[in-house]
Amino acid sequence: MRIFVTLASLSLAFAAPAFAQAGFAVGTPVTDVKGGAVGTVTAINGDVVTVRTDKHEANLGRDSFTPHEGKLLFSMTQAELNAAVEKDKAAAEASLVAGATVNGRAGTPVGTIDSIDSEFVTVKLASGKLVRLPRTGIAGSPNGAVIGLTADQLEAQVSATAQ
């Protein structure tokens, strides 16, 4: 009997992760707790679930959802999620202005935005050098402007192209 209980316990332990993942698939509908439509899952990347509403795509943590009867329950309504996405986008866009600090991948400042237009952003590095980046090479966030390089990496690239 003891062996049976041990084997049953082990099989349940291995089944738990599979059960916990149930319901997370592209195409799964997302509803609020009252059953109102929020959106549809369009992508899953590790612990990030992308949900498409009627207006936006939002990347949300997997732990924000509860699988229930073939759907994923979410604590916000579609209108609340849309409003939150719009608020974050506005904060991100507001961080992309001349004079704003630009942070590197490590979260440390690499310089400030000298000028910006629809195609390019010119960043003044701490060394005083100006570097022109495509607008797609910099992202706004609620915490400021961000690029995918550290200050040292950006300085090295600027120095290499100057030679």
N, C-alpha and C. Protein backbone atom coordinates (compact mmCIF):
# COMPACT_ATOMS: atom_id res chain seq x y z
N MET A 1 0.83 -1.20 0.00
CA MET A 1 0.00 0.00 0.00
C MET A 1 0.87 1.25 0.00
N ARG A 2 1.95 1.22 0.75
CA ARG A 2 2.84 2.37 0.84
C ARG A 2 3.43 2.70 -0.53
N ILE A 3 3.79 1.67 -1.31
CA ILE A 3 4.34 1.88 -2.65
C ILE A 3 3.28 2.53 -3.54
N PHE A 4 2.03 2.07 -3.45
CA PHE A 4 0.96 2.64 -4.25
C PHE A 4 0.77 4.12 -3.94
N VAL A 5 0.77 4.49 -2.67
CA VAL A 5 0.60 5.89 -2.27
C VAL A 5 1.76 6.73 -2.79
N THR A 6 2.98 6.19 -2.70
CA THR A 6 4.15 6.91 -3.20
C THR A 6 4.06 7.11 -4.70
N LEU A 7 3.70 6.05 -5.44
CA LEU A 7 3.56 6.17 -6.89
C LEU A 7 2.44 7.13 -7.27
N ALA A 8 1.34 7.07 -6.56
CA ALA A 8 0.23 7.97 -6.84
C ALA A 8 0.64 9.42 -6.58
N SER A 9 1.37 9.65 -5.51
CA SER A 9 1.85 11.00 -5.19
C SER A 9 2.79 11.52 -6.26
N LEU A 10 3.70 10.64 -6.72
CA LEU A 10 4.63 11.05 -7.77
C LEU A 10 3.91 11.37 -9.07
N SER A 11 2.92 10.56 -9.42
CA SER A 11 2.20 10.82 -10.67
C SER A 11 1.43 12.13 -10.58
N LEU A 12 0.87 12.45 -9.43
CA LEU A 12 0.19 13.72 -9.26
C LEU A 12 1.17 14.89 -9.33
N ALA A 13 2.36 14.70 -8.79
CA ALA A 13 3.37 15.76 -8.84
C ALA A 13 3.76 16.07 -10.27
N PHE A 14 3.88 15.04 -11.10
CA PHE A 14 4.24 15.26 -12.50
C PHE A 14 3.06 15.82 -13.30
N ALA A 15 1.86 15.51 -12.89
CA ALA A 15 0.68 16.00 -13.60
C ALA A 15 0.38 17.45 -13.28
N ALA A 16 0.79 17.93 -12.11
CA ALA A 16 0.47 19.30 -11.69
C ALA A 16 0.96 20.36 -12.68
N PRO A 17 2.23 20.30 -13.15
CA PRO A 17 2.64 21.32 -14.11
C PRO A 17 1.83 21.29 -15.40
N ALA A 18 1.47 20.12 -15.87
CA ALA A 18 0.67 20.02 -17.09
C ALA A 18 -0.72 20.61 -16.86
N PHE A 19 -1.29 20.33 -15.69
CA PHE A 19 -2.60 20.87 -15.36
C PHE A 19 -2.54 22.39 -15.25
N ALA A 20 -1.45 22.90 -14.66
CA ALA A 20 -1.30 24.34 -14.48
C ALA A 20 -1.19 25.07 -15.81
N GLN A 21 -0.73 24.39 -16.86
CA GLN A 21 -0.56 25.02 -18.16
C GLN A 21 -1.84 24.96 -18.99
N ALA A 22 -2.80 24.17 -18.57
CA ALA A 22 -4.03 23.99 -19.34
C ALA A 22 -4.70 25.33 -19.60
N GLY A 23 -5.24 25.49 -20.80
CA GLY A 23 -5.96 26.70 -21.14
C GLY A 23 -5.12 27.78 -21.79
N PHE A 24 -3.81 27.65 -21.73
CA PHE A 24 -2.93 28.66 -22.32
C PHE A 24 -2.54 28.23 -23.72
N ALA A 25 -3.25 28.76 -24.71
CA ALA A 25 -2.96 28.46 -26.11
C ALA A 25 -3.37 29.65 -26.96
N VAL A 26 -2.67 29.82 -28.07
CA VAL A 26 -3.04 30.88 -29.01
C VAL A 26 -4.47 30.62 -29.47
N GLY A 27 -5.26 31.67 -29.48
CA GLY A 27 -6.66 31.56 -29.88
C GLY A 27 -7.62 31.43 -28.71
N THR A 28 -7.10 31.23 -27.51
CA THR A 28 -7.97 31.08 -26.34
C THR A 28 -8.65 32.42 -26.04
N PRO A 29 -9.97 32.41 -25.86
CA PRO A 29 -10.65 33.65 -25.50
C PRO A 29 -10.32 34.07 -24.07
N VAL A 30 -10.26 35.38 -23.85
CA VAL A 30 -10.01 35.94 -22.53
C VAL A 30 -11.26 36.72 -22.14
N THR A 31 -11.78 36.44 -20.95
CA THR A 31 -12.97 37.13 -20.47
C THR A 31 -12.69 37.75 -19.11
N ASP A 32 -13.51 38.74 -18.75
CA ASP A 32 -13.40 39.28 -17.40
C ASP A 32 -14.18 38.35 -16.46
N VAL A 33 -14.14 38.64 -15.18
CA VAL A 33 -14.74 37.72 -14.21
C VAL A 33 -16.27 37.67 -14.32
N LYS A 34 -16.88 38.63 -15.01
CA LYS A 34 -18.33 38.60 -15.20
C LYS A 34 -18.71 37.98 -16.54
N GLY A 35 -17.70 37.50 -17.30
CA GLY A 35 -17.97 36.84 -18.57
C GLY A 35 -17.88 37.73 -19.79
N GLY A 36 -17.59 39.01 -19.60
CA GLY A 36 -17.46 39.93 -20.73
C GLY A 36 -16.19 39.66 -21.52
N ALA A 37 -16.27 39.79 -22.83
CA ALA A 37 -15.11 39.56 -23.69
C ALA A 37 -14.04 40.62 -23.42
N VAL A 38 -12.80 40.17 -23.25
CA VAL A 38 -11.65 41.07 -23.11
C VAL A 38 -10.83 41.01 -24.38
N GLY A 39 -10.57 39.81 -24.88
CA GLY A 39 -9.78 39.65 -26.10
C GLY A 39 -9.47 38.20 -26.36
N THR A 40 -8.40 37.99 -27.13
CA THR A 40 -7.97 36.65 -27.53
C THR A 40 -6.47 36.55 -27.39
N VAL A 41 -5.98 35.40 -26.94
CA VAL A 41 -4.54 35.17 -26.85
C VAL A 41 -3.98 35.06 -28.27
N THR A 42 -2.97 35.90 -28.57
CA THR A 42 -2.35 35.86 -29.90
C THR A 42 -0.93 35.30 -29.86
N ALA A 43 -0.32 35.23 -28.68
CA ALA A 43 1.03 34.68 -28.57
C ALA A 43 1.32 34.34 -27.12
N ILE A 44 2.20 33.36 -26.94
CA ILE A 44 2.67 32.98 -25.62
C ILE A 44 4.18 32.82 -25.72
N ASN A 45 4.89 33.55 -24.89
CA ASN A 45 6.35 33.49 -24.88
C ASN A 45 6.80 33.35 -23.44
N GLY A 46 7.02 32.11 -23.01
CA GLY A 46 7.40 31.87 -21.62
C GLY A 46 6.26 32.27 -20.70
N ASP A 47 6.54 33.20 -19.79
CA ASP A 47 5.53 33.66 -18.84
C ASP A 47 4.77 34.88 -19.33
N VAL A 48 4.95 35.25 -20.59
CA VAL A 48 4.26 36.42 -21.15
C VAL A 48 3.19 35.95 -22.13
N VAL A 49 1.97 36.41 -21.89
CA VAL A 49 0.83 36.08 -22.74
C VAL A 49 0.39 37.36 -23.44
N THR A 50 0.33 37.33 -24.76
CA THR A 50 -0.10 38.50 -25.53
C THR A 50 -1.59 38.36 -25.83
N VAL A 51 -2.34 39.39 -25.44
CA VAL A 51 -3.79 39.39 -25.63
C VAL A 51 -4.15 40.53 -26.58
N ARG A 52 -4.94 40.22 -27.59
CA ARG A 52 -5.44 41.22 -28.53
C ARG A 52 -6.84 41.61 -28.12
N THR A 53 -7.04 42.91 -27.81
CA THR A 53 -8.39 43.41 -27.52
C THR A 53 -8.95 43.96 -28.82
N ASP A 54 -10.02 44.71 -28.74
CA ASP A 54 -10.57 45.34 -29.94
C ASP A 54 -9.70 46.48 -30.44
N LYS A 55 -8.75 46.97 -29.59
CA LYS A 55 -7.92 48.11 -29.97
C LYS A 55 -6.42 47.86 -29.91
N HIS A 56 -5.97 47.02 -29.00
CA HIS A 56 -4.54 46.90 -28.72
C HIS A 56 -4.11 45.45 -28.52
N GLU A 57 -2.78 45.26 -28.58
CA GLU A 57 -2.19 44.01 -28.10
C GLU A 57 -1.45 44.35 -26.81
N ALA A 58 -1.66 43.54 -25.79
CA ALA A 58 -1.04 43.78 -24.49
C ALA A 58 -0.27 42.54 -24.06
N ASN A 59 0.96 42.74 -23.61
CA ASN A 59 1.77 41.65 -23.07
C ASN A 59 1.53 41.61 -21.57
N LEU A 60 1.04 40.48 -21.11
CA LEU A 60 0.65 40.34 -19.71
C LEU A 60 1.29 39.09 -19.12
N GLY A 61 1.50 39.11 -17.82
CA GLY A 61 2.07 37.97 -17.13
C GLY A 61 1.10 36.80 -17.10
N ARG A 62 1.62 35.61 -17.29
CA ARG A 62 0.81 34.39 -17.28
C ARG A 62 0.01 34.27 -15.99
N ASP A 63 0.60 34.74 -14.89
CA ASP A 63 -0.08 34.62 -13.60
C ASP A 63 -1.23 35.61 -13.44
N SER A 64 -1.50 36.42 -14.46
CA SER A 64 -2.63 37.35 -14.44
C SER A 64 -3.94 36.66 -14.81
N PHE A 65 -3.87 35.41 -15.23
CA PHE A 65 -5.03 34.70 -15.75
C PHE A 65 -5.35 33.47 -14.92
N THR A 66 -6.63 33.09 -14.98
CA THR A 66 -7.08 31.84 -14.38
C THR A 66 -7.82 31.05 -15.45
N PRO A 67 -7.29 29.87 -15.83
CA PRO A 67 -8.00 29.05 -16.81
C PRO A 67 -9.34 28.58 -16.22
N HIS A 68 -10.41 28.68 -17.02
CA HIS A 68 -11.73 28.28 -16.55
C HIS A 68 -12.62 27.94 -17.74
N GLU A 69 -13.02 26.69 -17.83
CA GLU A 69 -13.97 26.22 -18.84
C GLU A 69 -13.58 26.64 -20.26
N GLY A 70 -12.31 26.42 -20.62
CA GLY A 70 -11.85 26.70 -21.97
C GLY A 70 -11.54 28.16 -22.27
N LYS A 71 -11.64 29.00 -21.26
CA LYS A 71 -11.33 30.42 -21.41
C LYS A 71 -10.32 30.81 -20.34
N LEU A 72 -9.76 32.00 -20.50
CA LEU A 72 -8.89 32.55 -19.47
C LEU A 72 -9.61 33.73 -18.83
N LEU A 73 -9.74 33.67 -17.51
CA LEU A 73 -10.36 34.77 -16.78
C LEU A 73 -9.30 35.80 -16.46
N PHE A 74 -9.67 37.08 -16.59
CA PHE A 74 -8.77 38.20 -16.35
C PHE A 74 -9.50 39.20 -15.47
N SER A 75 -8.79 39.87 -14.59
CA SER A 75 -9.43 40.73 -13.60
C SER A 75 -9.92 42.07 -14.15
N MET A 76 -9.49 42.46 -15.33
CA MET A 76 -9.91 43.75 -15.90
C MET A 76 -10.90 43.53 -17.04
N THR A 77 -11.75 44.53 -17.24
CA THR A 77 -12.63 44.50 -18.40
C THR A 77 -11.83 44.92 -19.63
N GLN A 78 -12.42 44.74 -20.80
CA GLN A 78 -11.75 45.16 -22.03
C GLN A 78 -11.48 46.67 -22.00
N ALA A 79 -12.45 47.46 -21.54
CA ALA A 79 -12.28 48.92 -21.48
C ALA A 79 -11.16 49.29 -20.50
N GLU A 80 -11.08 48.61 -19.37
CA GLU A 80 -10.02 48.89 -18.40
C GLU A 80 -8.65 48.54 -18.95
N LEU A 81 -8.55 47.39 -19.64
CA LEU A 81 -7.27 47.00 -20.23
C LEU A 81 -6.87 47.98 -21.33
N ASN A 82 -7.81 48.36 -22.19
CA ASN A 82 -7.51 49.34 -23.23
C ASN A 82 -7.02 50.65 -22.62
N ALA A 83 -7.67 51.10 -21.56
CA ALA A 83 -7.28 52.36 -20.91
C ALA A 83 -5.88 52.24 -20.31
N ALA A 84 -5.56 51.10 -19.71
CA ALA A 84 -4.23 50.90 -19.13
C ALA A 84 -3.15 50.90 -20.21
N VAL A 85 -3.43 50.25 -21.34
CA VAL A 85 -2.47 50.23 -22.46
C VAL A 85 -2.27 51.64 -23.00
N GLU A 86 -3.36 52.38 -23.17
CA GLU A 86 -3.26 53.75 -23.69
C GLU A 86 -2.49 54.65 -22.73
N LYS A 87 -2.68 54.47 -21.44
CA LYS A 87 -1.95 55.25 -20.44
C LYS A 87 -0.45 54.95 -20.53
N ASP A 88 -0.10 53.66 -20.64
CA ASP A 88 1.32 53.28 -20.75
C ASP A 88 1.93 53.81 -22.05
N LYS A 89 1.18 53.74 -23.14
CA LYS A 89 1.69 54.26 -24.42
C LYS A 89 1.92 55.76 -24.35
N ALA A 90 1.00 56.48 -23.70
CA ALA A 90 1.16 57.94 -23.57
C ALA A 90 2.38 58.27 -22.73
N ALA A 91 2.60 57.52 -21.65
CA ALA A 91 3.78 57.74 -20.81
C ALA A 91 5.06 57.43 -21.58
N ALA A 92 5.02 56.38 -22.38
CA ALA A 92 6.19 56.01 -23.18
C ALA A 92 6.48 57.09 -24.22
N GLU A 93 5.46 57.56 -24.89
CA GLU A 93 5.64 58.60 -25.92
C GLU A 93 6.13 59.90 -25.30
N ALA A 94 5.65 60.21 -24.10
CA ALA A 94 6.07 61.44 -23.42
C ALA A 94 7.54 61.40 -23.03
N SER A 95 8.11 60.20 -22.92
CA SER A 95 9.52 60.08 -22.55
C SER A 95 10.45 60.31 -23.74
N LEU A 96 9.90 60.41 -24.94
CA LEU A 96 10.71 60.61 -26.15
C LEU A 96 10.63 62.06 -26.60
N VAL A 97 11.30 62.93 -25.85
CA VAL A 97 11.34 64.35 -26.16
C VAL A 97 12.77 64.85 -26.00
N ALA A 98 13.10 65.93 -26.69
CA ALA A 98 14.43 66.52 -26.56
C ALA A 98 14.71 66.85 -25.09
N GLY A 99 15.91 66.48 -24.66
CA GLY A 99 16.32 66.71 -23.27
C GLY A 99 16.09 65.53 -22.36
N ALA A 100 15.32 64.54 -22.81
CA ALA A 100 15.04 63.37 -21.97
C ALA A 100 16.27 62.48 -21.86
N THR A 101 16.44 61.87 -20.71
CA THR A 101 17.54 60.94 -20.49
C THR A 101 17.27 59.65 -21.25
N VAL A 102 18.32 59.10 -21.85
CA VAL A 102 18.25 57.82 -22.55
C VAL A 102 19.02 56.81 -21.72
N ASN A 103 18.36 55.73 -21.35
CA ASN A 103 19.00 54.67 -20.58
C ASN A 103 19.39 53.52 -21.49
N GLY A 104 20.51 52.89 -21.15
CA GLY A 104 20.98 51.74 -21.90
C GLY A 104 20.37 50.46 -21.38
N ARG A 105 20.81 49.36 -21.96
CA ARG A 105 20.29 48.05 -21.61
C ARG A 105 20.47 47.73 -20.14
N ALA A 106 21.55 48.23 -19.54
CA ALA A 106 21.81 47.96 -18.13
C ALA A 106 21.01 48.88 -17.21
N GLY A 107 20.24 49.80 -17.79
CA GLY A 107 19.44 50.71 -16.99
C GLY A 107 20.17 51.97 -16.57
N THR A 108 21.40 52.13 -17.04
CA THR A 108 22.17 53.32 -16.70
C THR A 108 22.09 54.33 -17.84
N PRO A 109 22.17 55.61 -17.53
CA PRO A 109 22.07 56.64 -18.57
C PRO A 109 23.21 56.54 -19.59
N VAL A 110 22.87 56.70 -20.87
CA VAL A 110 23.88 56.74 -21.94
C VAL A 110 24.00 58.14 -22.51
N GLY A 111 23.01 58.98 -22.28
CA GLY A 111 23.02 60.34 -22.78
C GLY A 111 21.63 60.94 -22.72
N THR A 112 21.42 61.98 -23.54
CA THR A 112 20.12 62.63 -23.59
C THR A 112 19.69 62.78 -25.04
N ILE A 113 18.39 62.89 -25.24
CA ILE A 113 17.88 63.11 -26.59
C ILE A 113 18.18 64.56 -26.98
N ASP A 114 18.92 64.72 -28.07
CA ASP A 114 19.26 66.05 -28.57
C ASP A 114 18.15 66.54 -29.50
N SER A 115 17.68 65.65 -30.37
CA SER A 115 16.56 65.99 -31.26
C SER A 115 15.86 64.71 -31.67
N ILE A 116 14.61 64.86 -32.10
CA ILE A 116 13.82 63.69 -32.48
C ILE A 116 12.83 64.10 -33.57
N ASP A 117 12.64 63.22 -34.55
CA ASP A 117 11.60 63.42 -35.56
C ASP A 117 10.96 62.06 -35.83
N SER A 118 10.16 61.96 -36.86
CA SER A 118 9.44 60.71 -37.12
C SER A 118 10.35 59.57 -37.57
N GLU A 119 11.57 59.88 -38.05
CA GLU A 119 12.47 58.84 -38.54
C GLU A 119 13.71 58.61 -37.68
N PHE A 120 14.23 59.66 -37.06
CA PHE A 120 15.50 59.55 -36.34
C PHE A 120 15.46 60.22 -34.98
N VAL A 121 16.35 59.72 -34.11
CA VAL A 121 16.58 60.31 -32.80
C VAL A 121 18.07 60.57 -32.71
N THR A 122 18.45 61.79 -32.36
CA THR A 122 19.86 62.11 -32.16
C THR A 122 20.10 62.16 -30.66
N VAL A 123 21.04 61.32 -30.21
CA VAL A 123 21.35 61.22 -28.79
C VAL A 123 22.72 61.84 -28.54
N LYS A 124 22.78 62.72 -27.54
CA LYS A 124 24.05 63.30 -27.13
C LYS A 124 24.60 62.43 -26.01
N LEU A 125 25.72 61.77 -26.28
CA LEU A 125 26.33 60.87 -25.30
C LEU A 125 27.01 61.67 -24.20
N ALA A 126 27.34 61.00 -23.11
CA ALA A 126 28.03 61.64 -21.99
C ALA A 126 29.36 62.24 -22.44
N SER A 127 29.98 61.65 -23.45
CA SER A 127 31.25 62.15 -23.98
C SER A 127 31.08 63.41 -24.82
N GLY A 128 29.83 63.78 -25.10
CA GLY A 128 29.56 64.94 -25.93
C GLY A 128 29.33 64.60 -27.39
N LYS A 129 29.64 63.37 -27.78
CA LYS A 129 29.43 62.94 -29.17
C LYS A 129 27.93 62.82 -29.45
N LEU A 130 27.56 63.10 -30.70
CA LEU A 130 26.18 62.93 -31.13
C LEU A 130 26.07 61.67 -31.98
N VAL A 131 25.05 60.89 -31.72
CA VAL A 131 24.82 59.68 -32.50
C VAL A 131 23.37 59.70 -32.98
N ARG A 132 23.19 59.42 -34.26
CA ARG A 132 21.86 59.42 -34.87
C ARG A 132 21.38 57.99 -34.98
N LEU A 133 20.24 57.72 -34.36
CA LEU A 133 19.66 56.37 -34.35
C LEU A 133 18.33 56.38 -35.09
N PRO A 134 17.99 55.26 -35.73
CA PRO A 134 16.64 55.19 -36.30
C PRO A 134 15.62 55.24 -35.16
N ARG A 135 14.48 55.80 -35.43
CA ARG A 135 13.43 55.94 -34.40
C ARG A 135 13.07 54.59 -33.82
N THR A 136 13.19 53.53 -34.64
CA THR A 136 12.88 52.18 -34.17
C THR A 136 13.95 51.64 -33.23
N GLY A 137 15.10 52.31 -33.13
CA GLY A 137 16.19 51.86 -32.28
C GLY A 137 16.09 52.35 -30.85
N ILE A 138 15.06 53.10 -30.56
CA ILE A 138 14.87 53.64 -29.21
C ILE A 138 13.41 53.45 -28.84
N ALA A 139 13.18 53.12 -27.60
CA ALA A 139 11.80 52.88 -27.15
C ALA A 139 11.50 53.77 -25.96
N GLY A 140 10.30 54.27 -25.94
CA GLY A 140 9.85 55.00 -24.78
C GLY A 140 9.26 54.04 -23.79
N SER A 141 9.37 54.38 -22.53
CA SER A 141 8.76 53.56 -21.48
C SER A 141 8.33 54.50 -20.37
N PRO A 142 7.49 54.03 -19.47
CA PRO A 142 7.11 54.88 -18.34
C PRO A 142 8.33 55.30 -17.50
N ASN A 143 9.44 54.58 -17.65
CA ASN A 143 10.66 54.90 -16.90
C ASN A 143 11.67 55.68 -17.73
N GLY A 144 11.29 56.14 -18.91
CA GLY A 144 12.18 56.93 -19.75
C GLY A 144 12.50 56.22 -21.05
N ALA A 145 13.35 56.88 -21.86
CA ALA A 145 13.77 56.33 -23.14
C ALA A 145 14.81 55.24 -22.92
N VAL A 146 14.76 54.19 -23.76
CA VAL A 146 15.64 53.04 -23.59
C VAL A 146 16.18 52.60 -24.95
N ILE A 147 17.47 52.22 -24.97
CA ILE A 147 18.06 51.59 -26.16
C ILE A 147 18.59 50.23 -25.75
N GLY A 148 18.90 49.39 -26.72
CA GLY A 148 19.32 48.02 -26.45
C GLY A 148 20.81 47.83 -26.24
N LEU A 149 21.56 48.91 -26.05
CA LEU A 149 23.00 48.82 -25.82
C LEU A 149 23.35 49.49 -24.50
N THR A 150 24.49 49.12 -23.94
CA THR A 150 25.00 49.82 -22.77
C THR A 150 25.72 51.07 -23.25
N ALA A 151 26.05 51.96 -22.32
CA ALA A 151 26.79 53.18 -22.67
C ALA A 151 28.13 52.83 -23.31
N ASP A 152 28.84 51.85 -22.74
CA ASP A 152 30.14 51.44 -23.29
C ASP A 152 30.01 50.88 -24.70
N GLN A 153 29.00 50.06 -24.94
CA GLN A 153 28.80 49.49 -26.27
C GLN A 153 28.50 50.58 -27.30
N LEU A 154 27.67 51.54 -26.92
CA LEU A 154 27.32 52.62 -27.84
C LEU A 154 28.54 53.49 -28.13
N GLU A 155 29.31 53.83 -27.09
CA GLU A 155 30.54 54.62 -27.28
C GLU A 155 31.51 53.88 -28.20
N ALA A 156 31.64 52.56 -28.01
CA ALA A 156 32.56 51.77 -28.84
C ALA A 156 32.11 51.79 -30.30
N GLN A 157 30.82 51.67 -30.54
CA GLN A 157 30.32 51.69 -31.92
C GLN A 157 30.53 53.06 -32.56
N VAL A 158 30.32 54.12 -31.79
CA VAL A 158 30.52 55.47 -32.32
C VAL A 158 32.00 55.67 -32.65
N SER A 159 32.88 55.22 -31.77
CA SER A 159 34.32 55.36 -32.00
C SER A 159 34.76 54.55 -33.22
N ALA A 160 34.21 53.35 -33.38
CA ALA A 160 34.59 52.48 -34.50
C ALA A 160 34.16 53.08 -35.84
N THR A 161 32.99 53.71 -35.88
CA THR A 161 32.52 54.29 -37.14
C THR A 161 33.24 55.60 -37.46
N ALA A 162 33.81 56.24 -36.44
CA ALA A 162 34.53 57.50 -36.66
C ALA A 162 35.90 57.26 -37.26
N GLN A 163 36.42 56.04 -37.15
CA GLN A 163 37.77 55.74 -37.64
C GLN A 163 37.78 55.39 -39.09
